[in-house]
C-alpha cells in the first residue's frame, strides 16, 4: 500500500496511520500522530523490545515525527514517505540508526 499523508486505510497510509490501522485491527485505539502515539506507550530499552512494539524516530524538527512496528531481528515495518510503499527496513541502516529515539509498548 502506498504512502498517503493523513490516511489510515487500505487506500494508503502515512506512518502513524499505518500503526493506527494495524493496532485498530487488534482492538487498540491509537491517535493519528506519531508524537501522540509515543506518549501513549510505555517506553522500553531496545533490549526489551518485542515484535509488535512501536519504534519511534525524530526525522525532522525536535519531536517524534516517524513511527513503525518492530518485527524482531532489528527490523521494523512502516510507511516511510511519499513515493514509497509500506516496507520492512533495518534499524541498522545509517539513516534509521541516526534518527532512532526508542521503543514503546502500547498500553490498552
C-alpha atoms as a PDB file:
ATOM      1  CA  UNK A   1       0.000   0.000   0.000  1.00  0.00           C
ATOM      2  CA  UNK A   2       1.345   3.424  -0.920  1.00  0.00           C
ATOM      3  CA  UNK A   3       2.203   6.276   1.426  1.00  0.00           C
ATOM      4  CA  UNK A   4      -0.566   8.878   1.638  1.00  0.00           C
ATOM      5  CA  UNK A   5      -0.239  11.708   4.114  1.00  0.00           C
ATOM      6  CA  UNK A   6      -3.079  11.834   6.643  1.00  0.00           C
ATOM      7  CA  UNK A   7      -4.544   8.474   5.602  1.00  0.00           C
ATOM      8  CA  UNK A   8      -5.148   5.330   7.638  1.00  0.00           C
ATOM      9  CA  UNK A   9      -6.992   2.907   5.378  1.00  0.00           C
ATOM     10  CA  UNK A  10      -6.400   0.340   2.636  1.00  0.00           C
ATOM     11  CA  UNK A  11      -6.071   3.134   0.051  1.00  0.00           C
ATOM     12  CA  UNK A  12      -2.918   4.463   1.689  1.00  0.00           C
ATOM     13  CA  UNK A  13      -1.163   5.219   4.957  1.00  0.00           C
ATOM     14  CA  UNK A  14       1.160   7.705   6.472  1.00  0.00           C
ATOM     15  CA  UNK A  15       3.416   6.279   9.196  1.00  0.00           C
ATOM     16  CA  UNK A  16       1.109   6.847  12.156  1.00  0.00           C
ATOM     17  CA  UNK A  17      -1.948   5.967  10.080  1.00  0.00           C
ATOM     18  CA  UNK A  18      -0.395   2.585   9.316  1.00  0.00           C
ATOM     19  CA  UNK A  19       0.254   1.929  13.011  1.00  0.00           C
ATOM     20  CA  UNK A  20      -3.254   3.124  13.914  1.00  0.00           C
ATOM     21  CA  UNK A  21      -4.781   0.826  11.271  1.00  0.00           C
ATOM     22  CA  UNK A  22      -2.811  -2.277  12.304  1.00  0.00           C
ATOM     23  CA  UNK A  23      -3.407  -1.810  16.016  1.00  0.00           C
ATOM     24  CA  UNK A  24      -7.068  -0.973  15.365  1.00  0.00           C
ATOM     25  CA  UNK A  25      -7.491  -4.444  13.868  1.00  0.00           C
ATOM     26  CA  UNK A  26      -6.490  -5.838  17.271  1.00  0.00           C
ATOM     27  CA  UNK A  27      -8.869  -3.664  19.292  1.00  0.00           C
ATOM     28  CA  UNK A  28      -6.482  -0.846  20.211  1.00  0.00           C
ATOM     29  CA  UNK A  29      -7.454   2.765  19.727  1.00  0.00           C
ATOM     30  CA  UNK A  30      -4.473   4.959  18.918  1.00  0.00           C
ATOM     31  CA  UNK A  31      -4.289   8.612  17.891  1.00  0.00           C
ATOM     32  CA  UNK A  32      -3.261   9.518  14.345  1.00  0.00           C
ATOM     33  CA  UNK A  33       0.032  11.192  15.236  1.00  0.00           C
ATOM     34  CA  UNK A  34       3.432   9.619  15.858  1.00  0.00           C
ATOM     35  CA  UNK A  35       4.073  12.199  18.586  1.00  0.00           C
ATOM     36  CA  UNK A  36       0.814  11.319  20.367  1.00  0.00           C
ATOM     37  CA  UNK A  37       1.397   7.579  19.868  1.00  0.00           C
ATOM     38  CA  UNK A  38       4.784   7.982  21.559  1.00  0.00           C
ATOM     39  CA  UNK A  39       3.070   9.441  24.602  1.00  0.00           C
ATOM     40  CA  UNK A  40       0.566   6.533  24.689  1.00  0.00           C
ATOM     41  CA  UNK A  41       3.290   3.920  25.118  1.00  0.00           C
ATOM     42  CA  UNK A  42       5.385   2.561  27.926  1.00  0.00           C
ATOM     43  CA  UNK A  43       8.939   3.335  26.842  1.00  0.00           C
ATOM     44  CA  UNK A  44      11.338   0.389  26.597  1.00  0.00           C
ATOM     45  CA  UNK A  45      15.045  -0.224  26.274  1.00  0.00           C
ATOM     46  CA  UNK A  46      15.983  -1.726  22.926  1.00  0.00           C
ATOM     47  CA  UNK A  47      16.945  -4.992  24.623  1.00  0.00           C
ATOM     48  CA  UNK A  48      13.396  -5.389  25.957  1.00  0.00           C
ATOM     49  CA  UNK A  49      11.611  -4.576  22.684  1.00  0.00           C
ATOM     50  CA  UNK A  50       9.405  -7.366  21.347  1.00  0.00           C
ATOM     51  CA  UNK A  51       7.784  -7.834  17.938  1.00  0.00           C
ATOM     52  CA  UNK A  52       4.675  -5.670  17.893  1.00  0.00           C
ATOM     53  CA  UNK A  53       6.186  -2.867  19.958  1.00  0.00           C
ATOM     54  CA  UNK A  54       6.437   0.536  18.326  1.00  0.00           C
ATOM     55  CA  UNK A  55       9.694   2.139  17.257  1.00  0.00           C
ATOM     56  CA  UNK A  56       9.974   5.938  17.173  1.00  0.00           C
ATOM     57  CA  UNK A  57      12.188   8.382  15.311  1.00  0.00           C
ATOM     58  CA  UNK A  58      12.877  12.091  15.017  1.00  0.00           C
ATOM     59  CA  UNK A  59      13.379  12.541  11.292  1.00  0.00           C
ATOM     60  CA  UNK A  60      12.963  16.328  11.307  1.00  0.00           C
ATOM     61  CA  UNK A  61      12.462  19.009  13.931  1.00  0.00           C
ATOM     62  CA  UNK A  62      12.727  18.276  17.637  1.00  0.00           C
ATOM     63  CA  UNK A  63       9.729  15.995  18.241  1.00  0.00           C
ATOM     64  CA  UNK A  64       8.795  12.437  17.335  1.00  0.00           C
ATOM     65  CA  UNK A  65       7.990  12.535  13.623  1.00  0.00           C
ATOM     66  CA  UNK A  66       8.028   8.899  12.480  1.00  0.00           C
ATOM     67  CA  UNK A  67       6.796   5.553  13.831  1.00  0.00           C
ATOM     68  CA  UNK A  68       6.879   1.928  12.759  1.00  0.00           C
ATOM     69  CA  UNK A  69       6.171  -1.503  14.201  1.00  0.00           C
ATOM     70  CA  UNK A  70       9.117  -3.569  15.401  1.00  0.00           C
ATOM     71  CA  UNK A  71       9.059  -7.087  13.915  1.00  0.00           C
ATOM     72  CA  UNK A  72      12.207  -8.515  15.501  1.00  0.00           C
ATOM     73  CA  UNK A  73      15.785  -9.123  14.362  1.00  0.00           C
ATOM     74  CA  UNK A  74      16.419  -5.362  14.369  1.00  0.00           C
ATOM     75  CA  UNK A  75      13.811  -4.772  11.633  1.00  0.00           C
ATOM     76  CA  UNK A  76      10.544  -2.857  11.514  1.00  0.00           C
ATOM     77  CA  UNK A  77       7.622  -2.355   9.147  1.00  0.00           C
ATOM     78  CA  UNK A  78       6.407   1.143   8.339  1.00  0.00           C
ATOM     79  CA  UNK A  79       5.001   3.520   5.759  1.00  0.00           C
ATOM     80  CA  UNK A  80       8.123   5.583   5.092  1.00  0.00           C
ATOM     81  CA  UNK A  81       7.444   8.557   2.817  1.00  0.00           C
ATOM     82  CA  UNK A  82       5.829   9.869  -0.336  1.00  0.00           C
ATOM     83  CA  UNK A  83       6.661   7.745  -3.361  1.00  0.00           C
ATOM     84  CA  UNK A  84       7.231   4.613  -1.292  1.00  0.00           C
ATOM     85  CA  UNK A  85       5.001   1.824  -0.059  1.00  0.00           C
ATOM     86  CA  UNK A  86       4.723   0.040   3.277  1.00  0.00           C
ATOM     87  CA  UNK A  87       8.001  -1.843   3.663  1.00  0.00           C
ATOM     88  CA  UNK A  88      10.414  -3.506   6.045  1.00  0.00           C
ATOM     89  CA  UNK A  89      13.658  -1.711   6.927  1.00  0.00           C
ATOM     90  CA  UNK A  90      16.592  -2.390   9.201  1.00  0.00           C
ATOM     91  CA  UNK A  91      17.325  -0.383  12.315  1.00  0.00           C
ATOM     92  CA  UNK A  92      20.987  -0.954  11.398  1.00  0.00           C
ATOM     93  CA  UNK A  93      20.757   1.354   8.381  1.00  0.00           C
ATOM     94  CA  UNK A  94      22.675   4.611   8.878  1.00  0.00           C
ATOM     95  CA  UNK A  95      19.549   6.721   8.458  1.00  0.00           C
ATOM     96  CA  UNK A  96      17.340   4.931  10.972  1.00  0.00           C
ATOM     97  CA  UNK A  97      20.163   4.389  13.466  1.00  0.00           C
ATOM     98  CA  UNK A  98      20.851   8.163  13.493  1.00  0.00           C
ATOM     99  CA  UNK A  99      17.180   9.098  13.972  1.00  0.00           C
ATOM    100  CA  UNK A 100      16.072   6.380  16.399  1.00  0.00           C
ATOM    101  CA  UNK A 101      14.554   7.695  19.648  1.00  0.00           C
ATOM    102  CA  UNK A 102      13.353   4.455  21.197  1.00  0.00           C
ATOM    103  CA  UNK A 103      10.728   1.779  21.575  1.00  0.00           C
ATOM    104  CA  UNK A 104       7.331   1.722  23.213  1.00  0.00           C
ATOM    105  CA  UNK A 105       4.810  -0.881  24.250  1.00  0.00           C
ATOM    106  CA  UNK A 106       1.210   0.123  23.546  1.00  0.00           C
ATOM    107  CA  UNK A 107      -0.970   0.404  26.637  1.00  0.00           C
ATOM    108  CA  UNK A 108      -4.612  -0.673  26.407  1.00  0.00           C
END
